[in-house]
Amino acid sequence: MLQIQYIKENRDEVIRRLKIKHVADVEARIDEIIALDEQRRQLQVQSDSVKAEQNAIAKEIGLLFKQGKRDEADAKKALTSELKNQEKALGEEMTRVEQELNTKLIALPNAPHITVPEGRTSDDNVEEGRFGTMPDLGDNALPHWELCAKYDLVDFELGNKITGAGFPVYKGKGARLQRALINFFLNSAADAGYQEIQPPLMVNEASGLGTGQLPDKEGQMYAIPLDGFYMIPTAEVPITNIYRNVIVNADQFPIRHVGYSECFRREAGSYGKDVRGLNRLHEFSKVEIVVIEHPDRSYERLEDMKRHVGGLLDQLGLPYRILKLCGGDISFTSAMTFDFEVWSGAQKKWLEVSSVSNFEAFQANRMKLRFKDENGKMRLAHTLNGSALALPRIVAALLENNQCDEGIRMPECLQPFLGFDMIK
C-alpha cells in the first residue's frame, strides 16, 4: 500500500509512475484519496475541538458547584451532553471516511520504479541478457510430457482422476528428481545465508492482504470460506507475514529466509494457454527466497538475488535469459521485477521459472513492518522475494534438453541427491 503522505507530497510523480502500469482513472483516484485524507483530518480537528470544549466546560462545572451556582452548573451539564452527541457523530463519520480511504488505498497498486520500461504486454519486456549453451537436439526430440510417459516419471491422467487437470502425480525417478531439486535449491540458499522456514500452506485473510494477494488476486486463490483461509500461491505470503506488525532491529538487515512449499493457483482464464504437461499447473512445488532489507540497500539486494537465481540455473546447465518487466506486465505489488526464462529444447520456446521482485515499502506499509533508523525515527522496511526456483518448468527443461539415445542425463549438481546420473 502506498503511503498517504508520500502520495500527497508527490502527487504528480505518483500519477506519472502509475500510468506506466496503465492504472485506469489514476488522476481521479489519487485526487479522491487526497480529498478523503483531508476530510479525515478536518473531522479529527473538529473532534479534538469538541473534546477540548468538553474538558473546559467540565472544569467550569466544578467551579460553579463549589460556588453554589447549581442552576448554572446544570445548564453547562446539558451543553456537555450535546457536545458528547457531536463527538459521537464526528467519530462515526471519521470511521466511515477512514474505511473508505483505506479501501481505496488498498486497491491502488504499487508505483513502479522510475527505471521500469513502459509497455503493455510481455512483448514489451526488455531482455537483459542470455546465458548458457542452447541444446542441439535434432528433429526427433520429444517434449517432456512424452518423456514423462516413456520413462514413467509423471502421470497426468492419474492426477486428473484423483483431483483434476493440473494436479500431476510424480512417480519413481520423477519423484526423486523433484525431491533432489528441492534439496539442491534449499541447500544452495542456506549456503548463501538464507534461514530455512517451513511455512503453513494456508493463510488467513490478514496475511493475504499484507502481501497484496488480496484483494488483487482473490479470484486466483483457492479459498476455504468455512474457516476463512486461503491456500498459498507461494511461500512468500506466509514467510513475509512473519513480520506483520513487527518492529525489527536495523542491525538485523538483511533478514533472509528461504522456504519450500507446495503452491496452489486456480489459473483462472489461462485454459488453452501453454497447458500441456508441466507448463501450467494448479499445484506445484517451489522454493522461495524472501528478504527484509533497509530501504537504502534494497536494490543492491535485488541484484544479489538475481545472481543467486542465475547461479542455480548455471549449475543445472540450463540456458536462460533475464527479462526486465515493463509497466504493463509487472505485478500489482511490485516496484521492479526481473523474470528468468529457461529454453525448452523440444518445445522450442522460453519458459518462465522465476520472478525476482522488489516491493519497496508497499507490503511493509500494509503489514506495518517497521524499524528504527540511526536517528531513532520509525521507518518502513523494504521487502523482496524471488523463486529459487519453481520446479515444474525446470523439470520440463531438464528432461527435454538432456535427452539422448541412452536416456536422460542428470546434471552433476543433482546427482548426490538423486543417487543416479541417468534416467534410462
Protein backbone atom coordinates (compact mmCIF):
# COMPACT_ATOMS: atom_id res chain seq x y z
CA MET A 1 0.00 0.00 0.00
CA LEU A 2 1.35 3.41 -0.95
CA GLN A 3 1.85 5.83 1.94
CA ILE A 4 -0.70 8.63 2.04
CA GLN A 5 1.93 11.22 2.98
CA TYR A 6 4.06 10.23 0.01
CA ILE A 7 1.03 10.45 -2.30
CA LYS A 8 0.19 13.95 -1.04
CA GLU A 9 3.75 15.24 -1.30
CA ASN A 10 4.43 13.64 -4.70
CA ARG A 11 1.02 13.66 -6.42
CA ASP A 12 2.22 14.25 -9.98
CA GLU A 13 5.11 11.79 -9.66
CA VAL A 14 2.82 9.05 -8.29
CA ILE A 15 0.35 9.61 -11.13
CA ARG A 16 3.14 9.52 -13.73
CA ARG A 17 4.56 6.27 -12.37
CA LEU A 18 1.16 4.57 -12.00
CA LYS A 19 0.41 5.46 -15.63
CA ILE A 20 3.36 3.22 -16.54
CA LYS A 21 1.27 0.40 -15.03
CA HIS A 22 -1.71 1.64 -17.04
CA VAL A 23 -3.86 2.22 -13.94
CA ALA A 24 -7.31 3.36 -15.06
CA ASP A 25 -8.62 6.79 -13.95
CA VAL A 26 -5.44 7.32 -11.98
CA GLU A 27 -5.73 11.12 -11.60
CA ALA A 28 -9.29 10.88 -10.27
CA ARG A 29 -8.37 8.03 -7.89
CA ILE A 30 -5.37 9.88 -6.49
CA ASP A 31 -7.31 13.12 -6.03
CA GLU A 32 -10.14 11.24 -4.32
CA ILE A 33 -7.65 9.68 -1.90
CA ILE A 34 -6.12 13.09 -1.13
CA ALA A 35 -9.60 14.59 -0.63
CA LEU A 36 -10.63 11.78 1.73
CA ASP A 37 -7.46 12.26 3.77
CA GLU A 38 -8.17 15.99 4.03
CA GLN A 39 -11.75 15.23 5.09
CA ARG A 40 -10.44 12.83 7.74
CA ARG A 41 -8.04 15.47 9.03
CA GLN A 42 -10.79 18.11 9.23
CA LEU A 43 -13.04 15.69 11.13
CA GLN A 44 -10.16 14.99 13.53
CA VAL A 45 -9.70 18.74 14.13
CA GLN A 46 -13.42 19.14 14.80
CA SER A 47 -13.43 16.15 17.15
CA ASP A 48 -10.41 17.46 19.04
CA SER A 49 -12.09 20.87 19.34
CA VAL A 50 -15.27 19.32 20.75
CA LYS A 51 -13.23 17.28 23.25
CA ALA A 52 -11.31 20.38 24.32
CA GLU A 53 -14.57 22.27 24.82
CA GLN A 54 -15.94 19.41 26.92
CA ASN A 55 -12.85 19.45 29.13
CA ALA A 56 -13.08 23.21 29.59
CA ILE A 57 -16.77 23.00 30.50
CA ALA A 58 -16.09 20.18 32.96
CA LYS A 59 -13.69 22.47 34.83
CA GLU A 60 -16.29 25.26 34.79
CA ILE A 61 -18.95 22.92 36.18
CA GLY A 62 -16.67 22.02 39.09
CA LEU A 63 -16.09 25.66 39.92
CA LEU A 64 -19.80 26.52 39.65
CA PHE A 65 -20.73 23.74 42.09
CA LYS A 66 -18.09 24.97 44.51
CA GLN A 67 -19.59 28.45 44.24
CA GLY A 68 -23.09 27.09 44.87
CA LYS A 69 -24.31 28.02 41.39
CA ARG A 70 -26.20 24.79 40.81
CA ASP A 71 -28.56 26.10 38.10
CA GLU A 72 -25.67 27.39 36.01
CA ALA A 73 -23.78 24.14 36.54
CA ASP A 74 -26.80 22.10 35.40
CA ALA A 75 -27.09 24.26 32.26
CA LYS A 76 -23.43 23.55 31.50
CA LYS A 77 -24.01 19.83 32.02
CA ALA A 78 -26.79 19.92 29.41
CA LEU A 79 -24.34 21.55 26.99
CA THR A 80 -21.81 18.78 27.74
CA SER A 81 -24.41 16.17 26.80
CA GLU A 82 -24.95 17.90 23.47
CA LEU A 83 -21.19 18.04 22.86
CA LYS A 84 -20.89 14.29 23.56
CA ASN A 85 -23.50 13.64 20.89
CA GLN A 86 -21.49 15.80 18.48
CA GLU A 87 -18.33 13.91 19.36
CA LYS A 88 -20.05 10.57 18.73
CA ALA A 89 -21.39 11.72 15.34
CA LEU A 90 -17.97 13.04 14.33
CA GLY A 91 -16.35 9.75 15.40
CA GLU A 92 -18.79 7.70 13.35
CA GLU A 93 -18.22 9.91 10.29
CA MET A 94 -14.46 9.74 10.76
CA THR A 95 -14.62 5.92 10.93
CA ARG A 96 -16.61 5.84 7.69
CA VAL A 97 -14.14 8.15 5.94
CA GLU A 98 -11.13 6.19 7.23
CA GLN A 99 -12.61 2.90 5.99
CA GLU A 100 -13.32 4.40 2.56
CA LEU A 101 -9.81 5.87 2.42
CA ASN A 102 -8.23 2.56 3.41
CA THR A 103 -10.31 0.66 0.83
CA LYS A 104 -9.16 2.98 -1.94
CA LEU A 105 -5.54 2.87 -0.80
CA ILE A 106 -5.52 -0.94 -0.69
CA ALA A 107 -6.96 -1.10 -4.22
CA LEU A 108 -4.16 1.13 -5.55
CA PRO A 109 -1.16 -0.79 -6.97
CA ASN A 110 2.45 -0.11 -6.15
CA ALA A 111 4.16 2.63 -8.12
CA PRO A 112 6.87 1.15 -10.36
CA HIS A 113 10.50 2.20 -10.01
CA ILE A 114 11.48 5.10 -12.26
CA THR A 115 13.61 2.76 -14.41
CA VAL A 116 10.78 0.33 -15.22
CA PRO A 117 10.26 0.48 -19.01
CA GLU A 118 6.94 1.48 -20.49
CA GLY A 119 4.89 -1.14 -22.28
CA ARG A 120 1.60 -3.00 -22.13
CA THR A 121 2.32 -6.72 -22.56
CA SER A 122 5.10 -9.28 -22.14
CA ASP A 123 6.16 -8.46 -25.69
CA ASP A 124 7.40 -5.10 -24.36
CA ASN A 125 9.67 -6.58 -21.67
CA VAL A 126 13.35 -5.76 -22.05
CA GLU A 127 15.82 -8.62 -22.42
CA GLU A 128 18.90 -8.01 -20.27
CA GLY A 129 20.97 -10.96 -21.40
CA ARG A 130 21.18 -14.63 -22.40
CA PHE A 131 23.33 -17.21 -20.66
CA GLY A 132 24.34 -20.82 -21.24
CA THR A 133 24.51 -23.00 -24.34
CA MET A 134 21.42 -23.79 -26.36
CA PRO A 135 20.90 -27.57 -26.85
CA ASP A 136 21.08 -29.13 -30.30
CA LEU A 137 18.50 -31.91 -30.05
CA GLY A 138 17.68 -32.60 -33.67
CA ASP A 139 14.23 -33.10 -35.17
CA ASN A 140 13.28 -36.21 -33.18
CA ALA A 141 13.42 -34.64 -29.71
CA LEU A 142 10.43 -35.48 -27.53
CA PRO A 143 8.53 -32.91 -25.44
CA HIS A 144 8.66 -33.52 -21.72
CA TRP A 145 5.12 -34.94 -21.46
CA GLU A 146 6.10 -37.73 -23.85
CA LEU A 147 9.36 -38.30 -21.96
CA CYS A 148 7.36 -38.50 -18.71
CA ALA A 149 5.20 -41.23 -20.22
CA LYS A 150 8.12 -43.07 -21.80
CA TYR A 151 10.11 -43.26 -18.54
CA ASP A 152 7.08 -43.36 -16.18
CA LEU A 153 8.10 -40.14 -14.38
CA VAL A 154 4.86 -38.14 -14.15
CA ASP A 155 1.30 -39.41 -14.57
CA PHE A 156 -1.02 -36.63 -15.68
CA GLU A 157 -4.08 -38.84 -16.17
CA LEU A 158 -3.77 -40.32 -12.70
CA GLY A 159 -3.66 -36.81 -11.23
CA ASN A 160 -6.74 -35.94 -13.23
CA LYS A 161 -8.50 -38.99 -11.79
CA ILE A 162 -7.55 -38.22 -8.18
CA THR A 163 -8.13 -34.46 -8.27
CA GLY A 164 -8.40 -32.86 -11.68
CA ALA A 165 -6.37 -31.36 -14.51
CA GLY A 166 -3.28 -29.53 -13.33
CA PHE A 167 -2.56 -31.85 -10.36
CA PRO A 168 0.06 -34.34 -11.64
CA VAL A 169 1.36 -37.41 -9.82
CA TYR A 170 5.16 -37.77 -9.75
CA LYS A 171 6.41 -41.36 -9.75
CA GLY A 172 9.68 -43.23 -9.31
CA LYS A 173 12.62 -41.27 -10.64
CA GLY A 174 10.29 -38.36 -11.40
CA ALA A 175 9.52 -38.07 -7.68
CA ARG A 176 13.23 -38.47 -6.88
CA LEU A 177 14.03 -35.65 -9.29
CA GLN A 178 11.51 -33.39 -7.57
CA ARG A 179 12.98 -34.13 -4.17
CA ALA A 180 16.54 -33.68 -5.45
CA LEU A 181 15.75 -30.25 -6.89
CA ILE A 182 14.07 -29.12 -3.66
CA ASN A 183 17.07 -30.20 -1.59
CA PHE A 184 19.54 -28.64 -4.03
CA PHE A 185 17.69 -25.31 -4.00
CA LEU A 186 17.29 -25.28 -0.21
CA ASN A 187 20.92 -26.20 0.45
CA SER A 188 22.15 -23.59 -2.02
CA ALA A 189 20.08 -20.90 -0.31
CA ALA A 190 21.30 -21.97 3.13
CA ASP A 191 24.90 -21.73 1.89
CA ALA A 192 24.11 -18.20 0.69
CA GLY A 193 22.93 -17.16 4.17
CA TYR A 194 19.17 -17.72 3.97
CA GLN A 195 17.47 -19.20 7.04
CA GLU A 196 15.10 -22.02 6.15
CA ILE A 197 11.43 -21.71 7.08
CA GLN A 198 8.80 -24.42 6.66
CA PRO A 199 5.61 -22.35 6.41
CA PRO A 200 1.92 -23.29 6.64
CA LEU A 201 0.21 -23.98 3.33
CA MET A 202 -2.86 -21.96 4.33
CA VAL A 203 -3.06 -18.33 5.41
CA ASN A 204 -5.77 -16.08 6.80
CA GLU A 205 -7.21 -13.00 5.14
CA ALA A 206 -4.91 -10.61 7.03
CA SER A 207 -1.87 -12.38 5.58
CA GLY A 208 -3.28 -12.22 2.06
CA LEU A 209 -3.93 -8.50 2.48
CA GLY A 210 -0.49 -7.97 3.99
CA THR A 211 1.46 -9.15 0.96
CA GLY A 212 -1.05 -7.88 -1.60
CA GLN A 213 -2.61 -11.10 -2.90
CA LEU A 214 -5.90 -9.73 -1.57
CA PRO A 215 -7.90 -8.10 -2.95
CA ASP A 216 -5.94 -8.09 -6.23
CA LYS A 217 -5.73 -11.85 -6.87
CA GLU A 218 -8.66 -13.17 -4.86
CA GLY A 219 -10.03 -14.94 -7.95
CA GLN A 220 -6.73 -16.77 -8.46
CA MET A 221 -6.51 -18.21 -4.94
CA TYR A 222 -8.17 -21.36 -3.64
CA ALA A 223 -10.39 -20.27 -0.77
CA ILE A 224 -11.68 -22.23 2.24
CA PRO A 225 -14.62 -19.99 3.19
CA LEU A 226 -15.81 -22.09 6.15
CA ASP A 227 -12.60 -21.29 8.02
CA GLY A 228 -11.64 -18.02 6.31
CA PHE A 229 -8.38 -19.49 4.95
CA TYR A 230 -6.65 -19.38 1.56
CA MET A 231 -4.27 -21.95 0.05
CA ILE A 232 -0.97 -20.17 -0.54
CA PRO A 233 0.04 -19.23 -4.11
CA THR A 234 3.68 -19.04 -2.96
CA ALA A 235 5.70 -19.34 0.26
CA GLU A 236 6.26 -15.59 0.01
CA VAL A 237 2.89 -15.00 1.68
CA PRO A 238 3.36 -16.86 4.99
CA ILE A 239 7.10 -16.11 5.25
CA THR A 240 6.78 -12.35 4.71
CA ASN A 241 3.83 -12.23 7.11
CA ILE A 242 6.10 -13.47 9.89
CA TYR A 243 6.97 -9.78 10.16
CA ARG A 244 3.44 -8.37 10.07
CA ASN A 245 3.05 -5.82 12.90
CA VAL A 246 6.71 -6.26 13.87
CA ILE A 247 9.38 -3.65 14.58
CA VAL A 248 12.72 -5.18 13.56
CA ASN A 249 16.17 -4.04 14.65
CA ALA A 250 18.08 -2.22 11.92
CA ASP A 251 21.20 -4.26 12.70
CA GLN A 252 19.30 -7.41 11.62
CA PHE A 253 19.29 -6.33 7.96
CA PRO A 254 19.33 -8.09 5.61
CA ILE A 255 16.85 -10.61 7.03
CA ARG A 256 16.94 -13.54 4.61
CA HIS A 257 14.64 -16.57 4.56
CA VAL A 258 14.12 -19.50 2.23
CA GLY A 259 11.16 -21.85 2.22
CA TYR A 260 9.92 -24.81 0.22
CA SER A 261 6.17 -25.22 -0.21
CA GLU A 262 3.51 -26.53 -2.46
CA CYS A 263 1.82 -23.67 -4.31
CA PHE A 264 -1.83 -23.53 -5.32
CA ARG A 265 -3.20 -21.36 -8.12
CA ARG A 266 -6.55 -21.52 -9.83
CA GLU A 267 -5.04 -20.08 -13.04
CA ALA A 268 -8.48 -18.74 -13.93
CA GLY A 269 -8.67 -17.60 -17.54
CA SER A 270 -5.50 -19.45 -18.58
CA TYR A 271 -7.13 -22.51 -20.13
CA GLY A 272 -5.66 -23.27 -23.54
CA LYS A 273 -2.53 -21.20 -22.86
CA ASP A 274 0.54 -23.48 -22.75
CA VAL A 275 -1.21 -26.03 -20.55
CA ARG A 276 0.46 -29.16 -21.91
CA GLY A 277 2.32 -31.29 -19.38
CA LEU A 278 4.12 -29.33 -16.66
CA ASN A 279 3.84 -25.94 -18.35
CA ARG A 280 0.92 -24.69 -16.25
CA LEU A 281 -0.35 -26.40 -13.10
CA HIS A 282 -2.79 -25.74 -10.27
CA GLU A 283 -0.44 -27.30 -7.70
CA PHE A 284 3.32 -27.23 -7.94
CA SER A 285 6.47 -27.20 -5.80
CA LYS A 286 8.60 -24.10 -5.37
CA VAL A 287 11.48 -22.86 -3.27
CA GLU A 288 11.13 -19.16 -2.44
CA ILE A 289 13.65 -16.65 -1.11
CA VAL A 290 12.39 -13.67 0.91
CA VAL A 291 14.43 -10.67 2.08
CA ILE A 292 13.61 -7.85 4.50
CA GLU A 293 16.07 -5.01 3.90
CA HIS A 294 16.93 -1.41 4.73
CA PRO A 295 15.40 0.93 2.10
CA ASP A 296 18.83 2.30 1.16
CA ARG A 297 20.10 -1.15 0.20
CA SER A 298 17.10 -2.97 -1.27
CA TYR A 299 18.13 -2.59 -4.92
CA GLU A 300 21.62 -3.81 -4.10
CA ARG A 301 19.96 -6.84 -2.50
CA LEU A 302 17.80 -7.33 -5.61
CA GLU A 303 20.98 -7.75 -7.66
CA ASP A 304 22.26 -10.31 -5.12
CA MET A 305 19.05 -12.30 -5.52
CA LYS A 306 19.33 -12.21 -9.31
CA ARG A 307 22.88 -13.56 -9.08
CA HIS A 308 21.67 -16.35 -6.78
CA VAL A 309 18.95 -17.47 -9.20
CA GLY A 310 21.30 -17.23 -12.17
CA GLY A 311 23.87 -19.32 -10.30
CA LEU A 312 21.33 -22.12 -9.79
CA LEU A 313 20.50 -22.21 -13.49
CA ASP A 314 24.20 -22.17 -14.38
CA GLN A 315 24.80 -25.24 -12.18
CA LEU A 316 21.81 -27.01 -13.72
CA GLY A 317 23.27 -26.32 -17.16
CA LEU A 318 20.05 -24.73 -18.43
CA PRO A 319 20.24 -21.90 -20.99
CA TYR A 320 18.28 -18.90 -19.76
CA ARG A 321 17.54 -15.25 -20.30
CA ILE A 322 16.70 -12.41 -17.93
CA LEU A 323 13.85 -10.00 -18.70
CA LYS A 324 13.16 -6.66 -17.05
CA LEU A 325 9.37 -6.44 -16.92
CA CYS A 326 7.60 -3.44 -18.40
CA GLY A 327 4.92 -1.45 -16.61
CA GLY A 328 2.05 -3.36 -18.18
CA ASP A 329 3.44 -6.78 -17.21
CA ILE A 330 4.68 -6.04 -13.70
CA SER A 331 2.56 -7.27 -10.79
CA PHE A 332 0.17 -5.27 -8.61
CA THR A 333 2.59 -5.25 -5.65
CA SER A 334 5.96 -4.93 -7.38
CA ALA A 335 8.10 -1.85 -7.92
CA MET A 336 10.55 -3.77 -10.12
CA THR A 337 10.63 -7.36 -11.37
CA PHE A 338 13.08 -9.48 -13.33
CA ASP A 339 11.87 -12.74 -14.90
CA PHE A 340 14.15 -15.69 -15.59
CA GLU A 341 13.16 -17.90 -18.50
CA VAL A 342 14.78 -21.22 -19.48
CA TRP A 343 14.89 -22.59 -23.00
CA SER A 344 12.74 -25.63 -23.61
CA GLY A 345 14.62 -27.54 -26.30
CA ALA A 346 11.84 -29.77 -27.59
CA GLN A 347 9.07 -27.20 -27.32
CA LYS A 348 11.44 -24.58 -28.76
CA LYS A 349 10.26 -21.76 -26.52
CA TRP A 350 11.16 -19.88 -23.36
CA LEU A 351 9.52 -20.93 -20.07
CA GLU A 352 9.36 -18.62 -17.05
CA VAL A 353 10.89 -20.27 -13.97
CA SER A 354 11.50 -17.33 -11.62
CA SER A 355 10.40 -13.80 -10.84
CA VAL A 356 12.65 -11.72 -8.60
CA SER A 357 10.97 -8.58 -7.28
CA ASN A 358 11.49 -5.55 -5.05
CA PHE A 359 8.25 -4.34 -3.46
CA GLU A 360 9.97 -1.41 -1.73
CA ALA A 361 7.74 -0.30 1.20
CA PHE A 362 4.44 -1.40 -0.41
CA GLN A 363 4.00 -4.66 1.50
CA ALA A 364 5.66 -3.27 4.63
CA ASN A 365 3.11 -0.45 4.80
CA ARG A 366 0.23 -2.92 4.57
CA MET A 367 1.83 -5.14 7.22
CA LYS A 368 3.20 -2.33 9.45
CA LEU A 369 6.70 -3.79 9.17
CA ARG A 370 8.98 -1.11 10.59
CA PHE A 371 12.40 -0.37 12.04
CA LYS A 372 14.10 2.49 13.88
CA ASP A 373 16.84 4.23 11.90
CA GLU A 374 20.07 5.67 13.35
CA ASN A 375 18.19 8.83 14.34
CA GLY A 376 15.53 6.92 16.23
CA LYS A 377 12.91 7.62 13.54
CA MET A 378 10.41 4.87 12.77
CA ARG A 379 10.56 3.85 9.08
CA LEU A 380 9.09 1.18 6.83
CA ALA A 381 11.38 -1.64 5.72
CA HIS A 382 11.62 -2.90 2.13
CA THR A 383 10.57 -6.43 1.16
CA LEU A 384 11.83 -8.55 -1.73
CA ASN A 385 11.24 -12.09 -2.94
CA GLY A 386 12.11 -14.48 -5.72
CA SER A 387 11.55 -18.01 -6.98
CA ALA A 388 14.71 -20.02 -6.43
CA LEU A 389 13.27 -21.95 -8.10
CA ALA A 390 9.82 -23.10 -9.30
CA LEU A 391 10.08 -26.78 -10.18
CA PRO A 392 7.63 -27.78 -12.97
CA ARG A 393 9.23 -25.92 -15.87
CA ILE A 394 12.72 -26.63 -14.53
CA VAL A 395 11.85 -30.33 -14.68
CA ALA A 396 10.40 -29.89 -18.18
CA ALA A 397 13.55 -28.16 -19.46
CA LEU A 398 15.90 -30.65 -17.77
CA LEU A 399 14.09 -33.63 -19.32
CA GLU A 400 13.88 -32.11 -22.78
CA ASN A 401 17.35 -30.53 -23.02
CA ASN A 402 19.22 -33.54 -21.59
CA GLN A 403 17.59 -36.33 -23.59
CA CYS A 404 19.92 -38.56 -25.56
CA ASP A 405 19.96 -42.05 -27.11
CA GLU A 406 20.84 -43.66 -23.75
CA GLY A 407 18.14 -41.85 -21.76
CA ILE A 408 18.10 -38.52 -19.95
CA ARG A 409 21.32 -37.19 -18.41
CA MET A 410 21.08 -35.61 -14.96
CA PRO A 411 23.11 -32.51 -14.02
CA GLU A 412 26.15 -33.17 -11.86
CA CYS A 413 24.88 -30.87 -9.10
CA LEU A 414 21.78 -33.10 -8.62
CA GLN A 415 23.48 -36.49 -8.68
CA PRO A 416 24.40 -36.55 -4.95
CA PHE A 417 20.69 -36.05 -4.15
CA LEU A 418 19.45 -38.47 -6.82
CA GLY A 419 21.79 -41.43 -6.44
CA PHE A 420 21.91 -41.83 -10.25
CA ASP A 421 23.29 -39.90 -13.20
CA MET A 422 20.91 -41.06 -15.93
CA ILE A 423 17.23 -41.81 -16.31
CA LYS A 424 17.05 -44.93 -18.50
